[in-house]
Amino acid sequence: MPKKDLTKNFKKLFSSREADSSRAEITPYRDWLIIVIVFFVGIVASVLFNIYLSMQINSDSFSVAGQKNPEGLKLNHKGLTEVLDNFSAKETAFEKLKTEGVTVVDPSL
């Protein structure tokens, strides 16, 4: 079985067939070959990254959990009362508009 010379094949990839090296000719075979190789290298890299990511997630070493507060959560009573007062004020304003109605000025007059 004859050995293949990889450097010769690599140089052939970036040279055009039957073309003068000093002229910039369109070489669709070379261009499409480069596009296909880059596409498949990207797919292989994406698959390998997804396998790595799934293995890290399954082993629970992907993310580090923060430390939990042993005292528990503290409720901000002052902020809660302010928010509830704001909601009740908006509710009364809404009920007032619903019962009294809104006077709309007709712009065509």
C-alpha atoms as a PDB file:
ATOM      1  CA  MET A   1       0.000   0.000   0.000  1.00  0.00           C
ATOM      2  CA  PRO A   2       1.629   3.267  -1.066  1.00  0.00           C
ATOM      3  CA  LYS A   3       1.989   6.070   1.461  1.00  0.00           C
ATOM      4  CA  LYS A   4       0.143   9.312   0.815  1.00  0.00           C
ATOM      5  CA  ASP A   5       2.061  12.533   1.082  1.00  0.00           C
ATOM      6  CA  LEU A   6      -0.146  14.813   3.203  1.00  0.00           C
ATOM      7  CA  THR A   7       1.894  17.946   2.554  1.00  0.00           C
ATOM      8  CA  LYS A   8       1.482  17.464  -1.195  1.00  0.00           C
ATOM      9  CA  ASN A   9      -2.279  17.074  -0.769  1.00  0.00           C
ATOM     10  CA  PHE A  10      -2.405  20.139   1.479  1.00  0.00           C
ATOM     11  CA  LYS A  11      -0.517  22.235  -1.068  1.00  0.00           C
ATOM     12  CA  LYS A  12      -2.810  20.934  -3.796  1.00  0.00           C
ATOM     13  CA  LEU A  13      -5.797  22.157  -1.776  1.00  0.00           C
ATOM     14  CA  PHE A  14      -4.634  25.769  -1.977  1.00  0.00           C
ATOM     15  CA  SER A  15      -3.420  25.717  -5.568  1.00  0.00           C
ATOM     16  CA  SER A  16      -5.621  25.805  -8.629  1.00  0.00           C
ATOM     17  CA  ARG A  17      -5.761  23.073 -11.269  1.00  0.00           C
ATOM     18  CA  GLU A  18      -4.098  23.834 -14.576  1.00  0.00           C
ATOM     19  CA  ALA A  19      -3.813  27.523 -13.813  1.00  0.00           C
ATOM     20  CA  ASP A  20      -1.002  29.963 -13.834  1.00  0.00           C
ATOM     21  CA  SER A  21       0.024  30.690 -10.238  1.00  0.00           C
ATOM     22  CA  SER A  22       0.547  34.388 -10.958  1.00  0.00           C
ATOM     23  CA  ARG A  23      -3.030  34.932 -12.191  1.00  0.00           C
ATOM     24  CA  ALA A  24      -5.988  35.153  -9.866  1.00  0.00           C
ATOM     25  CA  GLU A  25      -8.453  32.780 -11.498  1.00  0.00           C
ATOM     26  CA  ILE A  26     -11.739  31.487 -10.239  1.00  0.00           C
ATOM     27  CA  THR A  27     -11.281  27.928  -9.037  1.00  0.00           C
ATOM     28  CA  PRO A  28     -14.639  26.493  -7.958  1.00  0.00           C
ATOM     29  CA  TYR A  29     -13.285  23.035  -7.087  1.00  0.00           C
ATOM     30  CA  ARG A  30     -10.769  24.429  -4.637  1.00  0.00           C
ATOM     31  CA  ASP A  31     -13.205  26.981  -3.214  1.00  0.00           C
ATOM     32  CA  TRP A  32     -15.988  24.473  -2.655  1.00  0.00           C
ATOM     33  CA  LEU A  33     -13.558  21.977  -1.162  1.00  0.00           C
ATOM     34  CA  ILE A  34     -12.399  24.579   1.369  1.00  0.00           C
ATOM     35  CA  ILE A  35     -16.022  25.489   2.198  1.00  0.00           C
ATOM     36  CA  VAL A  36     -16.987  21.837   2.707  1.00  0.00           C
ATOM     37  CA  ILE A  37     -13.932  21.126   4.874  1.00  0.00           C
ATOM     38  CA  VAL A  38     -14.578  24.188   7.069  1.00  0.00           C
ATOM     39  CA  PHE A  39     -18.253  23.197   7.370  1.00  0.00           C
ATOM     40  CA  PHE A  40     -17.475  19.657   8.531  1.00  0.00           C
ATOM     41  CA  VAL A  41     -14.742  20.834  10.905  1.00  0.00           C
ATOM     42  CA  GLY A  42     -17.305  23.221  12.433  1.00  0.00           C
ATOM     43  CA  ILE A  43     -19.852  20.420  12.807  1.00  0.00           C
ATOM     44  CA  VAL A  44     -17.289  18.136  14.470  1.00  0.00           C
ATOM     45  CA  ALA A  45     -16.222  20.943  16.836  1.00  0.00           C
ATOM     46  CA  SER A  46     -19.852  21.651  17.709  1.00  0.00           C
ATOM     47  CA  VAL A  47     -20.601  17.984  18.411  1.00  0.00           C
ATOM     48  CA  LEU A  48     -17.494  17.646  20.588  1.00  0.00           C
ATOM     49  CA  PHE A  49     -18.400  20.789  22.531  1.00  0.00           C
ATOM     50  CA  ASN A  50     -21.960  19.546  23.093  1.00  0.00           C
ATOM     51  CA  ILE A  51     -20.676  16.171  24.324  1.00  0.00           C
ATOM     52  CA  TYR A  52     -18.271  17.927  26.700  1.00  0.00           C
ATOM     53  CA  LEU A  53     -21.028  20.226  27.953  1.00  0.00           C
ATOM     54  CA  SER A  54     -23.487  17.384  28.549  1.00  0.00           C
ATOM     55  CA  MET A  55     -20.848  15.378  30.425  1.00  0.00           C
ATOM     56  CA  GLN A  56     -20.075  18.357  32.662  1.00  0.00           C
ATOM     57  CA  ILE A  57     -23.758  18.967  33.365  1.00  0.00           C
ATOM     58  CA  ASN A  58     -24.390  15.297  34.168  1.00  0.00           C
ATOM     59  CA  SER A  59     -21.492  15.203  36.623  1.00  0.00           C
ATOM     60  CA  ASP A  60     -22.806  18.360  38.393  1.00  0.00           C
ATOM     61  CA  SER A  61     -19.452  20.084  38.050  1.00  0.00           C
ATOM     62  CA  PHE A  62     -20.583  22.616  35.468  1.00  0.00           C
ATOM     63  CA  SER A  63     -21.987  25.224  37.823  1.00  0.00           C
ATOM     64  CA  VAL A  64     -21.044  26.068  41.365  1.00  0.00           C
ATOM     65  CA  ALA A  65     -23.942  26.654  43.718  1.00  0.00           C
ATOM     66  CA  GLY A  66     -23.760  29.690  45.936  1.00  0.00           C
ATOM     67  CA  GLN A  67     -23.659  29.409  49.686  1.00  0.00           C
ATOM     68  CA  LYS A  68     -27.021  29.304  51.355  1.00  0.00           C
ATOM     69  CA  ASN A  69     -27.916  31.698  54.120  1.00  0.00           C
ATOM     70  CA  PRO A  70     -28.393  29.583  57.266  1.00  0.00           C
ATOM     71  CA  GLU A  71     -30.564  32.265  58.874  1.00  0.00           C
ATOM     72  CA  GLY A  72     -33.114  32.185  56.079  1.00  0.00           C
ATOM     73  CA  LEU A  73     -34.577  35.073  54.178  1.00  0.00           C
ATOM     74  CA  LYS A  74     -35.390  38.299  55.960  1.00  0.00           C
ATOM     75  CA  LEU A  75     -38.545  40.052  54.842  1.00  0.00           C
ATOM     76  CA  ASN A  76     -38.387  43.787  54.281  1.00  0.00           C
ATOM     77  CA  HIS A  77     -41.612  44.829  56.013  1.00  0.00           C
ATOM     78  CA  LYS A  78     -41.233  48.526  55.222  1.00  0.00           C
ATOM     79  CA  GLY A  79     -40.777  47.883  51.487  1.00  0.00           C
ATOM     80  CA  LEU A  80     -43.678  45.423  51.472  1.00  0.00           C
ATOM     81  CA  THR A  81     -46.057  47.937  53.048  1.00  0.00           C
ATOM     82  CA  GLU A  82     -44.990  50.603  50.514  1.00  0.00           C
ATOM     83  CA  VAL A  83     -45.681  48.258  47.599  1.00  0.00           C
ATOM     84  CA  LEU A  84     -49.054  47.208  49.021  1.00  0.00           C
ATOM     85  CA  ASP A  85     -50.040  50.853  49.604  1.00  0.00           C
ATOM     86  CA  ASN A  86     -49.065  51.639  45.998  1.00  0.00           C
ATOM     87  CA  PHE A  87     -51.246  48.787  44.727  1.00  0.00           C
ATOM     88  CA  SER A  88     -54.202  49.875  46.837  1.00  0.00           C
ATOM     89  CA  ALA A  89     -53.862  53.474  45.581  1.00  0.00           C
ATOM     90  CA  LYS A  90     -53.838  52.245  41.990  1.00  0.00           C
ATOM     91  CA  GLU A  91     -56.859  50.049  42.697  1.00  0.00           C
ATOM     92  CA  THR A  92     -58.877  52.948  44.115  1.00  0.00           C
ATOM     93  CA  ALA A  93     -57.925  55.154  41.152  1.00  0.00           C
ATOM     94  CA  PHE A  94     -59.001  52.390  38.763  1.00  0.00           C
ATOM     95  CA  GLU A  95     -62.336  51.895  40.531  1.00  0.00           C
ATOM     96  CA  LYS A  96     -62.942  55.657  40.460  1.00  0.00           C
ATOM     97  CA  LEU A  97     -62.314  55.769  36.702  1.00  0.00           C
ATOM     98  CA  LYS A  98     -64.516  52.723  36.181  1.00  0.00           C
ATOM     99  CA  THR A  99     -67.500  54.189  38.038  1.00  0.00           C
ATOM    100  CA  GLU A 100     -67.246  57.830  36.918  1.00  0.00           C
ATOM    101  CA  GLY A 101     -66.097  57.284  33.366  1.00  0.00           C
ATOM    102  CA  VAL A 102     -63.600  59.315  31.368  1.00  0.00           C
ATOM    103  CA  THR A 103     -64.471  62.434  29.445  1.00  0.00           C
ATOM    104  CA  VAL A 104     -62.868  62.199  26.030  1.00  0.00           C
ATOM    105  CA  VAL A 105     -62.516  65.302  23.896  1.00  0.00           C
ATOM    106  CA  ASP A 106     -63.493  64.728  20.279  1.00  0.00           C
ATOM    107  CA  PRO A 107     -60.604  66.055  18.143  1.00  0.00           C
ATOM    108  CA  SER A 108     -62.798  66.391  15.040  1.00  0.00           C
ATOM    109  CA  LEU A 109     -64.863  69.221  16.509  1.00  0.00           C
END
